[in-house]
């Protein structure tokens, strides 16, 4: 099973408390392998009071917390029974597990917060030989010249028609040559 994001409903104003409670429960109940990140979606807002600009963090979705989970009976139970949690969004009730957010919904929310969602566990190294498996250069082989963790991109040097050409590629576009 893979980890996915779910929306948890909380008592309004208790979002940060739920985040803290849940993170503590994950630790004490040994659920680190099933419950990962807990995020209270916030965005910066400029507040002007008495002619002074002040940047404040405003909750994007008051009363909701995002949780990254591998959904099992155990993980579902731990989150549902965390103090301050009133339930999951997308659950029809009667013991039915909730529906996860779509990846593009999560990407949008996290990007707005300035969080880069796609932290992929990469096991590529500079100098390693890879093959392009997706896009217009599929089938070409090249050497990794640079890994940009911030942008989740790789610079790969490919021999095209006798010339070395550098390409910027996503992790999903390549695979190791064994």
N, C-alpha and C. Protein backbone atom coordinates (compact mmCIF):
# COMPACT_ATOMS: atom_id res chain seq x y z
N UNK A 1 0.85 -1.19 0.00
CA UNK A 1 0.00 0.00 0.00
C UNK A 1 0.89 1.24 0.00
N UNK A 2 0.38 2.30 -0.63
CA UNK A 2 1.19 3.51 -0.66
C UNK A 2 0.55 4.61 0.19
N UNK A 3 1.40 5.56 0.58
CA UNK A 3 0.89 6.64 1.42
C UNK A 3 0.13 7.64 0.56
N UNK A 4 -0.97 8.12 1.13
CA UNK A 4 -1.81 9.11 0.46
C UNK A 4 -2.24 10.16 1.47
N UNK A 5 -2.73 11.29 0.96
CA UNK A 5 -3.16 12.38 1.83
C UNK A 5 -4.66 12.30 2.07
N UNK A 6 -5.03 12.55 3.32
CA UNK A 6 -6.44 12.56 3.71
C UNK A 6 -6.72 13.86 4.45
N UNK A 7 -7.99 14.27 4.43
CA UNK A 7 -8.39 15.48 5.13
C UNK A 7 -9.13 15.06 6.40
N UNK A 8 -8.64 15.58 7.51
CA UNK A 8 -9.22 15.27 8.81
C UNK A 8 -9.95 16.51 9.32
N UNK A 9 -11.18 16.34 9.78
CA UNK A 9 -11.98 17.43 10.32
C UNK A 9 -11.70 17.55 11.81
N UNK A 10 -11.49 18.80 12.26
CA UNK A 10 -11.21 19.04 13.68
C UNK A 10 -12.18 20.08 14.21
N UNK A 11 -12.18 20.23 15.52
CA UNK A 11 -12.92 21.35 16.08
C UNK A 11 -12.21 22.61 15.62
N UNK A 12 -12.96 23.62 15.21
CA UNK A 12 -12.36 24.85 14.71
C UNK A 12 -11.49 25.49 15.80
N UNK A 13 -10.30 25.92 15.40
CA UNK A 13 -9.37 26.52 16.35
C UNK A 13 -8.46 25.50 17.02
N UNK A 14 -8.71 24.20 16.78
CA UNK A 14 -7.92 23.14 17.41
C UNK A 14 -6.94 22.49 16.44
N UNK A 15 -6.78 23.09 15.24
CA UNK A 15 -5.94 22.46 14.21
C UNK A 15 -4.52 22.17 14.69
N UNK A 16 -3.87 23.17 15.31
CA UNK A 16 -2.48 22.98 15.76
C UNK A 16 -2.40 21.99 16.92
N UNK A 17 -3.43 22.00 17.77
CA UNK A 17 -3.48 21.05 18.89
C UNK A 17 -3.64 19.62 18.36
N UNK A 18 -4.49 19.45 17.35
CA UNK A 18 -4.69 18.13 16.75
C UNK A 18 -3.38 17.66 16.11
N UNK A 19 -2.69 18.57 15.42
CA UNK A 19 -1.40 18.23 14.80
C UNK A 19 -0.42 17.73 15.87
N UNK A 20 -0.31 18.47 16.97
CA UNK A 20 0.60 18.09 18.06
C UNK A 20 0.18 16.76 18.69
N UNK A 21 -1.13 16.61 18.97
CA UNK A 21 -1.64 15.37 19.57
C UNK A 21 -1.36 14.18 18.67
N UNK A 22 -1.62 14.34 17.38
CA UNK A 22 -1.46 13.24 16.44
C UNK A 22 0.02 12.86 16.30
N UNK A 23 0.89 13.87 16.21
CA UNK A 23 2.32 13.59 16.10
C UNK A 23 2.82 12.84 17.33
N UNK A 24 2.31 13.20 18.51
CA UNK A 24 2.70 12.54 19.75
C UNK A 24 2.19 11.09 19.76
N UNK A 25 0.94 10.89 19.32
CA UNK A 25 0.36 9.55 19.28
C UNK A 25 1.10 8.64 18.30
N UNK A 26 1.50 9.20 17.16
CA UNK A 26 2.25 8.42 16.16
C UNK A 26 3.52 7.88 16.80
N UNK A 27 4.18 8.73 17.58
CA UNK A 27 5.42 8.34 18.23
C UNK A 27 5.18 7.30 19.32
N UNK A 28 4.23 7.57 20.22
CA UNK A 28 4.01 6.67 21.35
C UNK A 28 3.42 5.33 20.91
N UNK A 29 2.69 5.33 19.80
CA UNK A 29 2.06 4.08 19.34
C UNK A 29 2.87 3.40 18.24
N UNK A 30 4.04 3.95 17.93
CA UNK A 30 4.92 3.33 16.94
C UNK A 30 4.33 3.26 15.55
N UNK A 31 3.67 4.34 15.11
CA UNK A 31 3.01 4.34 13.80
C UNK A 31 3.79 5.12 12.74
N UNK A 32 5.10 5.37 12.97
CA UNK A 32 5.90 6.16 12.03
C UNK A 32 5.96 5.56 10.63
N UNK A 33 5.71 4.25 10.53
CA UNK A 33 5.75 3.60 9.22
C UNK A 33 4.40 3.65 8.50
N UNK A 34 3.37 4.23 9.16
CA UNK A 34 2.05 4.31 8.53
C UNK A 34 1.48 5.72 8.49
N UNK A 35 1.88 6.57 9.45
CA UNK A 35 1.40 7.95 9.50
C UNK A 35 2.62 8.84 9.39
N UNK A 36 2.64 9.70 8.38
CA UNK A 36 3.84 10.46 8.08
C UNK A 36 3.70 11.93 8.43
N UNK A 37 3.35 12.76 7.49
CA UNK A 37 3.28 14.20 7.75
C UNK A 37 1.88 14.63 8.15
N UNK A 38 1.82 15.59 9.08
CA UNK A 38 0.56 16.20 9.51
C UNK A 38 0.73 17.69 9.24
N UNK A 39 -0.15 18.25 8.42
CA UNK A 39 0.00 19.65 8.02
C UNK A 39 -1.29 20.43 8.25
N UNK A 40 -1.12 21.62 8.83
CA UNK A 40 -2.23 22.56 8.97
C UNK A 40 -2.03 23.57 7.83
N UNK A 41 -2.86 23.51 6.77
CA UNK A 41 -2.65 24.41 5.63
C UNK A 41 -2.80 25.88 6.04
N UNK A 42 -1.73 26.64 5.77
CA UNK A 42 -1.70 28.07 6.10
C UNK A 42 -1.09 28.82 4.94
N UNK A 43 -1.42 30.11 4.85
CA UNK A 43 -0.74 30.96 3.87
C UNK A 43 -0.49 32.32 4.50
N UNK A 44 0.54 33.00 3.97
CA UNK A 44 0.89 34.32 4.49
C UNK A 44 -0.14 35.33 4.03
N UNK A 45 -0.44 36.25 4.92
CA UNK A 45 -1.38 37.32 4.58
C UNK A 45 -0.82 38.61 5.18
N UNK A 46 -0.88 39.69 4.40
CA UNK A 46 -0.38 40.96 4.91
C UNK A 46 -1.54 41.67 5.60
N UNK A 47 -1.31 42.04 6.85
CA UNK A 47 -2.32 42.70 7.67
C UNK A 47 -1.84 44.13 7.91
N UNK A 48 -2.70 45.10 7.66
CA UNK A 48 -2.30 46.49 7.90
C UNK A 48 -3.13 47.04 9.05
N UNK A 49 -2.43 47.35 10.16
CA UNK A 49 -3.09 47.91 11.34
C UNK A 49 -2.33 49.17 11.74
N UNK A 50 -3.04 50.22 12.01
CA UNK A 50 -2.44 51.50 12.41
C UNK A 50 -1.34 51.94 11.44
N UNK A 51 -1.57 51.67 10.13
CA UNK A 51 -0.61 52.07 9.11
C UNK A 51 0.65 51.22 9.05
N UNK A 52 0.69 50.15 9.83
CA UNK A 52 1.87 49.28 9.83
C UNK A 52 1.53 47.95 9.16
N UNK A 53 2.44 47.53 8.28
CA UNK A 53 2.27 46.24 7.62
C UNK A 53 2.80 45.15 8.52
N UNK A 54 2.04 44.07 8.61
CA UNK A 54 2.45 42.93 9.41
C UNK A 54 2.06 41.68 8.64
N UNK A 55 2.99 40.74 8.55
CA UNK A 55 2.68 39.48 7.88
C UNK A 55 2.19 38.48 8.91
N UNK A 56 1.02 37.92 8.65
CA UNK A 56 0.46 36.93 9.57
C UNK A 56 0.15 35.65 8.79
N UNK A 57 0.16 34.52 9.49
CA UNK A 57 -0.20 33.25 8.87
C UNK A 57 -1.68 33.01 9.13
N UNK A 58 -2.40 32.76 8.05
CA UNK A 58 -3.84 32.53 8.15
C UNK A 58 -4.13 31.09 7.71
N UNK A 59 -4.98 30.42 8.46
CA UNK A 59 -5.35 29.05 8.10
C UNK A 59 -6.16 29.07 6.80
N UNK A 60 -5.71 28.28 5.83
CA UNK A 60 -6.38 28.22 4.54
C UNK A 60 -7.72 27.52 4.66
N UNK A 61 -7.76 26.44 5.45
CA UNK A 61 -8.98 25.66 5.64
C UNK A 61 -9.23 25.49 7.13
N UNK A 62 -9.81 26.51 7.79
CA UNK A 62 -10.04 26.39 9.23
C UNK A 62 -10.87 25.14 9.55
N UNK A 63 -10.44 24.41 10.56
CA UNK A 63 -11.18 23.21 10.96
C UNK A 63 -10.70 21.95 10.25
N UNK A 64 -9.63 22.05 9.45
CA UNK A 64 -9.14 20.88 8.73
C UNK A 64 -7.63 20.74 8.84
N UNK A 65 -7.18 19.49 8.84
CA UNK A 65 -5.77 19.16 8.90
C UNK A 65 -5.53 18.10 7.83
N UNK A 66 -4.39 18.19 7.14
CA UNK A 66 -4.03 17.18 6.14
C UNK A 66 -3.09 16.17 6.79
N UNK A 67 -3.33 14.89 6.53
CA UNK A 67 -2.50 13.84 7.10
C UNK A 67 -2.09 12.88 5.98
N UNK A 68 -0.79 12.58 5.94
CA UNK A 68 -0.26 11.63 4.96
C UNK A 68 -0.18 10.26 5.63
N UNK A 69 -0.95 9.31 5.10
CA UNK A 69 -1.13 8.02 5.77
C UNK A 69 -1.06 6.86 4.77
N UNK A 70 -0.56 5.73 5.24
CA UNK A 70 -0.84 4.47 4.55
C UNK A 70 -2.07 3.95 5.28
N UNK A 71 -3.21 3.93 4.59
CA UNK A 71 -4.50 3.65 5.23
C UNK A 71 -4.65 2.16 5.56
N UNK A 72 -4.56 1.89 6.86
CA UNK A 72 -4.82 0.54 7.37
C UNK A 72 -5.83 0.70 8.51
N UNK A 73 -6.33 -0.40 9.01
CA UNK A 73 -7.26 -0.31 10.15
C UNK A 73 -6.59 0.39 11.32
N UNK A 74 -5.29 0.07 11.56
CA UNK A 74 -4.56 0.66 12.68
C UNK A 74 -4.40 2.17 12.53
N UNK A 75 -3.89 2.59 11.36
CA UNK A 75 -3.62 4.02 11.17
C UNK A 75 -4.92 4.82 11.20
N UNK A 76 -5.96 4.25 10.62
CA UNK A 76 -7.27 4.90 10.58
C UNK A 76 -7.78 5.10 12.01
N UNK A 77 -7.62 4.05 12.82
CA UNK A 77 -8.05 4.10 14.22
C UNK A 77 -7.30 5.17 15.00
N UNK A 78 -5.97 5.21 14.84
CA UNK A 78 -5.13 6.17 15.58
C UNK A 78 -5.56 7.60 15.27
N UNK A 79 -5.75 7.92 13.99
CA UNK A 79 -6.12 9.28 13.60
C UNK A 79 -7.53 9.62 14.09
N UNK A 80 -8.48 8.72 13.84
CA UNK A 80 -9.87 8.97 14.23
C UNK A 80 -10.03 9.22 15.72
N UNK A 81 -9.22 8.54 16.52
CA UNK A 81 -9.35 8.64 17.97
C UNK A 81 -8.37 9.60 18.62
N UNK A 82 -7.83 10.51 17.83
CA UNK A 82 -6.95 11.55 18.35
C UNK A 82 -7.84 12.66 18.93
N UNK A 83 -7.54 13.14 20.14
CA UNK A 83 -8.36 14.21 20.72
C UNK A 83 -8.45 15.43 19.78
N UNK A 84 -9.68 15.92 19.59
CA UNK A 84 -9.90 17.08 18.73
C UNK A 84 -10.33 16.72 17.32
N UNK A 85 -10.13 15.45 16.92
CA UNK A 85 -10.53 15.00 15.58
C UNK A 85 -12.00 14.62 15.62
N UNK A 86 -12.78 15.16 14.66
CA UNK A 86 -14.20 14.81 14.61
C UNK A 86 -14.50 13.81 13.50
N UNK A 87 -13.51 13.58 12.62
CA UNK A 87 -13.72 12.58 11.57
C UNK A 87 -12.89 12.88 10.34
N UNK A 88 -13.03 12.03 9.35
CA UNK A 88 -12.36 12.20 8.07
C UNK A 88 -13.34 12.78 7.05
N UNK A 89 -12.84 13.59 6.14
CA UNK A 89 -13.67 14.06 5.03
C UNK A 89 -13.63 12.97 3.97
N UNK A 90 -14.76 12.69 3.35
CA UNK A 90 -14.80 11.68 2.30
C UNK A 90 -15.09 10.29 2.82
N UNK A 91 -15.60 10.21 4.05
CA UNK A 91 -15.99 8.91 4.59
C UNK A 91 -17.51 8.88 4.66
N UNK A 92 -18.08 7.83 4.14
CA UNK A 92 -19.55 7.75 4.13
C UNK A 92 -20.09 7.29 5.47
N UNK A 93 -19.20 7.05 6.43
CA UNK A 93 -19.65 6.59 7.75
C UNK A 93 -19.86 5.09 7.76
N UNK A 94 -20.35 4.58 8.84
CA UNK A 94 -20.63 3.14 8.95
C UNK A 94 -19.39 2.28 8.77
N UNK A 95 -18.23 2.81 9.19
CA UNK A 95 -17.01 2.02 9.11
C UNK A 95 -16.32 2.06 7.75
N UNK A 96 -16.84 2.87 6.81
CA UNK A 96 -16.22 2.97 5.49
C UNK A 96 -15.00 3.88 5.56
N UNK A 97 -13.90 3.42 4.99
CA UNK A 97 -12.67 4.22 5.00
C UNK A 97 -12.85 5.42 4.06
N UNK A 98 -12.18 6.54 4.38
CA UNK A 98 -12.34 7.75 3.58
C UNK A 98 -11.61 7.69 2.24
N UNK A 99 -11.98 8.62 1.37
CA UNK A 99 -11.35 8.75 0.06
C UNK A 99 -10.16 9.69 0.19
N UNK A 100 -9.01 9.33 -0.38
CA UNK A 100 -7.84 10.22 -0.29
C UNK A 100 -7.98 11.40 -1.25
N UNK A 101 -7.19 12.45 -0.99
CA UNK A 101 -7.13 13.58 -1.91
C UNK A 101 -6.42 13.12 -3.18
N UNK A 102 -6.73 13.77 -4.28
CA UNK A 102 -6.02 13.49 -5.53
C UNK A 102 -4.63 14.13 -5.44
N UNK A 103 -3.62 13.52 -6.05
CA UNK A 103 -2.26 14.08 -5.99
C UNK A 103 -2.19 15.54 -6.42
N UNK A 104 -2.95 15.91 -7.46
CA UNK A 104 -2.90 17.30 -7.92
C UNK A 104 -3.52 18.27 -6.90
N UNK A 105 -4.51 17.80 -6.12
CA UNK A 105 -5.08 18.64 -5.07
C UNK A 105 -4.04 18.91 -3.99
N UNK A 106 -3.31 17.86 -3.62
CA UNK A 106 -2.28 17.98 -2.59
C UNK A 106 -1.16 18.89 -3.08
N UNK A 107 -0.71 18.67 -4.32
CA UNK A 107 0.35 19.51 -4.91
C UNK A 107 -0.05 20.98 -4.85
N UNK A 108 -1.30 21.28 -5.23
CA UNK A 108 -1.78 22.66 -5.25
C UNK A 108 -1.74 23.28 -3.85
N UNK A 109 -2.24 22.57 -2.87
CA UNK A 109 -2.28 23.08 -1.49
C UNK A 109 -0.86 23.29 -0.97
N UNK A 110 0.00 22.30 -1.17
CA UNK A 110 1.36 22.39 -0.64
C UNK A 110 2.17 23.48 -1.35
N UNK A 111 1.96 23.62 -2.65
CA UNK A 111 2.68 24.68 -3.39
C UNK A 111 2.27 26.05 -2.86
N UNK A 112 0.96 26.23 -2.60
CA UNK A 112 0.47 27.50 -2.05
C UNK A 112 1.12 27.81 -0.71
N UNK A 113 1.44 26.76 0.03
CA UNK A 113 2.07 26.92 1.34
C UNK A 113 3.58 27.08 1.21
N UNK A 114 4.11 26.85 0.02
CA UNK A 114 5.55 26.93 -0.17
C UNK A 114 6.27 25.65 0.23
N UNK A 115 5.51 24.56 0.32
CA UNK A 115 6.09 23.26 0.66
C UNK A 115 6.21 22.48 -0.64
N UNK A 116 7.38 21.93 -0.89
CA UNK A 116 7.55 21.10 -2.08
C UNK A 116 7.10 19.70 -1.72
N UNK A 117 6.00 19.26 -2.32
CA UNK A 117 5.39 18.00 -1.95
C UNK A 117 6.22 16.80 -2.37
N UNK A 118 6.71 16.80 -3.57
CA UNK A 118 7.26 15.57 -4.09
C UNK A 118 8.68 15.31 -3.62
N UNK A 119 8.78 14.93 -2.38
CA UNK A 119 10.09 14.53 -1.84
C UNK A 119 10.23 13.05 -2.16
N UNK A 120 10.87 12.77 -3.25
CA UNK A 120 11.01 11.40 -3.69
C UNK A 120 12.30 10.85 -3.09
N UNK A 121 12.24 9.61 -2.63
CA UNK A 121 13.46 8.96 -2.15
C UNK A 121 14.24 8.57 -3.38
N UNK A 122 15.28 9.35 -3.69
CA UNK A 122 16.05 9.03 -4.89
C UNK A 122 17.32 8.31 -4.51
N UNK A 123 17.68 7.36 -5.33
CA UNK A 123 18.94 6.67 -5.08
C UNK A 123 19.81 6.77 -6.33
N UNK A 124 19.85 7.96 -6.89
CA UNK A 124 20.72 8.25 -8.03
C UNK A 124 21.95 8.98 -7.51
N UNK A 125 23.05 8.84 -8.24
CA UNK A 125 24.27 9.54 -7.87
C UNK A 125 24.85 10.21 -9.11
N UNK A 126 25.56 11.32 -8.90
CA UNK A 126 26.25 11.98 -10.00
C UNK A 126 27.25 10.99 -10.59
N UNK A 127 27.28 10.92 -11.92
CA UNK A 127 28.19 10.01 -12.61
C UNK A 127 27.54 8.69 -13.00
N UNK A 128 26.33 8.43 -12.47
CA UNK A 128 25.65 7.18 -12.74
C UNK A 128 25.06 7.17 -14.16
N UNK A 129 25.05 5.99 -14.79
CA UNK A 129 24.49 5.82 -16.13
C UNK A 129 23.00 5.55 -16.03
N UNK A 130 22.19 6.33 -16.77
CA UNK A 130 20.74 6.17 -16.75
C UNK A 130 20.19 6.15 -18.18
N UNK A 131 18.97 5.65 -18.31
CA UNK A 131 18.28 5.67 -19.60
C UNK A 131 17.04 6.52 -19.47
N UNK A 132 16.79 7.34 -20.49
CA UNK A 132 15.58 8.15 -20.52
C UNK A 132 14.45 7.23 -20.94
N UNK A 133 13.39 7.15 -20.12
CA UNK A 133 12.30 6.21 -20.40
C UNK A 133 11.00 6.91 -20.79
N UNK A 134 11.00 8.26 -20.72
CA UNK A 134 9.77 9.00 -20.99
C UNK A 134 10.11 10.30 -21.69
N UNK A 135 9.24 10.74 -22.58
CA UNK A 135 9.45 12.01 -23.26
C UNK A 135 10.09 11.80 -24.63
N UNK A 136 10.42 12.93 -25.30
CA UNK A 136 10.92 12.85 -26.68
C UNK A 136 12.29 12.17 -26.81
N UNK A 137 13.02 12.04 -25.70
CA UNK A 137 14.36 11.45 -25.77
C UNK A 137 14.39 10.03 -25.20
N UNK A 138 13.21 9.41 -25.09
CA UNK A 138 13.12 8.05 -24.57
C UNK A 138 14.04 7.14 -25.39
N UNK A 139 14.77 6.28 -24.67
CA UNK A 139 15.68 5.35 -25.34
C UNK A 139 17.13 5.81 -25.29
N UNK A 140 17.36 7.10 -25.11
CA UNK A 140 18.72 7.61 -25.02
C UNK A 140 19.30 7.28 -23.65
N UNK A 141 20.62 7.05 -23.62
CA UNK A 141 21.31 6.82 -22.36
C UNK A 141 22.24 7.99 -22.09
N UNK A 142 22.46 8.25 -20.82
CA UNK A 142 23.35 9.35 -20.46
C UNK A 142 23.85 9.21 -19.05
N UNK A 143 24.68 10.18 -18.68
CA UNK A 143 25.31 10.18 -17.36
C UNK A 143 24.75 11.34 -16.55
N UNK A 144 24.44 11.09 -15.28
CA UNK A 144 23.93 12.14 -14.39
C UNK A 144 25.07 13.11 -14.09
N UNK A 145 24.86 14.39 -14.42
CA UNK A 145 25.86 15.42 -14.18
C UNK A 145 25.58 16.19 -12.89
N UNK A 146 24.27 16.32 -12.58
CA UNK A 146 23.89 17.15 -11.44
C UNK A 146 22.53 16.70 -10.92
N UNK A 147 22.32 16.79 -9.59
CA UNK A 147 21.03 16.47 -8.98
C UNK A 147 20.55 17.71 -8.24
N UNK A 148 19.38 18.23 -8.63
CA UNK A 148 18.82 19.43 -8.00
C UNK A 148 17.65 19.00 -7.11
N UNK A 149 17.93 18.84 -5.81
CA UNK A 149 16.90 18.37 -4.88
C UNK A 149 15.78 19.38 -4.69
N UNK A 150 16.09 20.67 -4.82
CA UNK A 150 15.07 21.71 -4.65
C UNK A 150 13.99 21.62 -5.71
N UNK A 151 14.41 21.42 -6.96
CA UNK A 151 13.46 21.38 -8.08
C UNK A 151 13.03 19.97 -8.44
N UNK A 152 13.58 18.97 -7.75
CA UNK A 152 13.32 17.57 -8.10
C UNK A 152 13.67 17.29 -9.55
N UNK A 153 14.84 17.75 -9.98
CA UNK A 153 15.29 17.58 -11.36
C UNK A 153 16.70 17.01 -11.39
N UNK A 154 17.05 16.42 -12.52
CA UNK A 154 18.39 15.91 -12.75
C UNK A 154 18.92 16.51 -14.04
N UNK A 155 20.21 16.79 -14.09
CA UNK A 155 20.85 17.18 -15.35
C UNK A 155 21.56 15.93 -15.85
N UNK A 156 21.20 15.50 -17.05
CA UNK A 156 21.78 14.30 -17.62
C UNK A 156 22.47 14.67 -18.93
N UNK A 157 23.71 14.21 -19.08
CA UNK A 157 24.48 14.44 -20.30
C UNK A 157 24.27 13.24 -21.22
N UNK A 158 23.69 13.51 -22.41
CA UNK A 158 23.33 12.46 -23.36
C UNK A 158 24.13 12.65 -24.65
N UNK A 159 24.61 11.56 -25.21
CA UNK A 159 25.33 11.60 -26.48
C UNK A 159 24.30 11.58 -27.61
N UNK A 160 24.12 12.74 -28.26
CA UNK A 160 23.16 12.83 -29.37
C UNK A 160 23.92 13.15 -30.64
N UNK A 161 23.91 12.22 -31.56
CA UNK A 161 24.56 12.40 -32.86
C UNK A 161 26.02 12.82 -32.69
N UNK A 162 26.72 12.18 -31.75
CA UNK A 162 28.14 12.43 -31.56
C UNK A 162 28.47 13.66 -30.72
N UNK A 163 27.45 14.34 -30.18
CA UNK A 163 27.69 15.52 -29.33
C UNK A 163 27.08 15.31 -27.96
N UNK A 164 27.78 15.77 -26.93
CA UNK A 164 27.24 15.70 -25.58
C UNK A 164 26.21 16.81 -25.41
N UNK A 165 25.00 16.45 -25.00
CA UNK A 165 23.94 17.41 -24.79
C UNK A 165 23.39 17.24 -23.38
N UNK A 166 23.31 18.35 -22.64
CA UNK A 166 22.75 18.29 -21.28
C UNK A 166 21.25 18.48 -21.33
N UNK A 167 20.52 17.65 -20.58
CA UNK A 167 19.06 17.75 -20.48
C UNK A 167 18.66 17.83 -19.03
N UNK A 168 17.61 18.60 -18.77
CA UNK A 168 17.04 18.63 -17.42
C UNK A 168 15.83 17.71 -17.42
N UNK A 169 15.84 16.71 -16.56
CA UNK A 169 14.79 15.69 -16.54
C UNK A 169 14.24 15.50 -15.14
N UNK A 170 12.98 15.02 -15.07
CA UNK A 170 12.37 14.64 -13.80
C UNK A 170 12.84 13.23 -13.44
N UNK A 171 12.78 12.88 -12.16
CA UNK A 171 13.18 11.56 -11.71
C UNK A 171 12.38 10.46 -12.42
N UNK A 172 11.10 10.74 -12.67
CA UNK A 172 10.23 9.73 -13.28
C UNK A 172 10.59 9.46 -14.74
N UNK A 173 11.39 10.33 -15.35
CA UNK A 173 11.72 10.19 -16.76
C UNK A 173 12.92 9.30 -17.02
N UNK A 174 13.57 8.84 -15.94
CA UNK A 174 14.78 8.04 -16.13
C UNK A 174 14.76 6.79 -15.28
N UNK A 175 15.62 5.84 -15.65
CA UNK A 175 15.86 4.68 -14.79
C UNK A 175 17.31 4.27 -14.95
N UNK A 176 17.83 3.62 -13.93
CA UNK A 176 19.24 3.20 -13.94
C UNK A 176 19.48 2.17 -15.04
N UNK A 177 20.67 2.24 -15.60
CA UNK A 177 21.11 1.21 -16.55
C UNK A 177 21.89 0.20 -15.73
N UNK A 178 21.43 -1.03 -15.73
CA UNK A 178 22.08 -2.07 -14.91
C UNK A 178 23.12 -2.82 -15.69
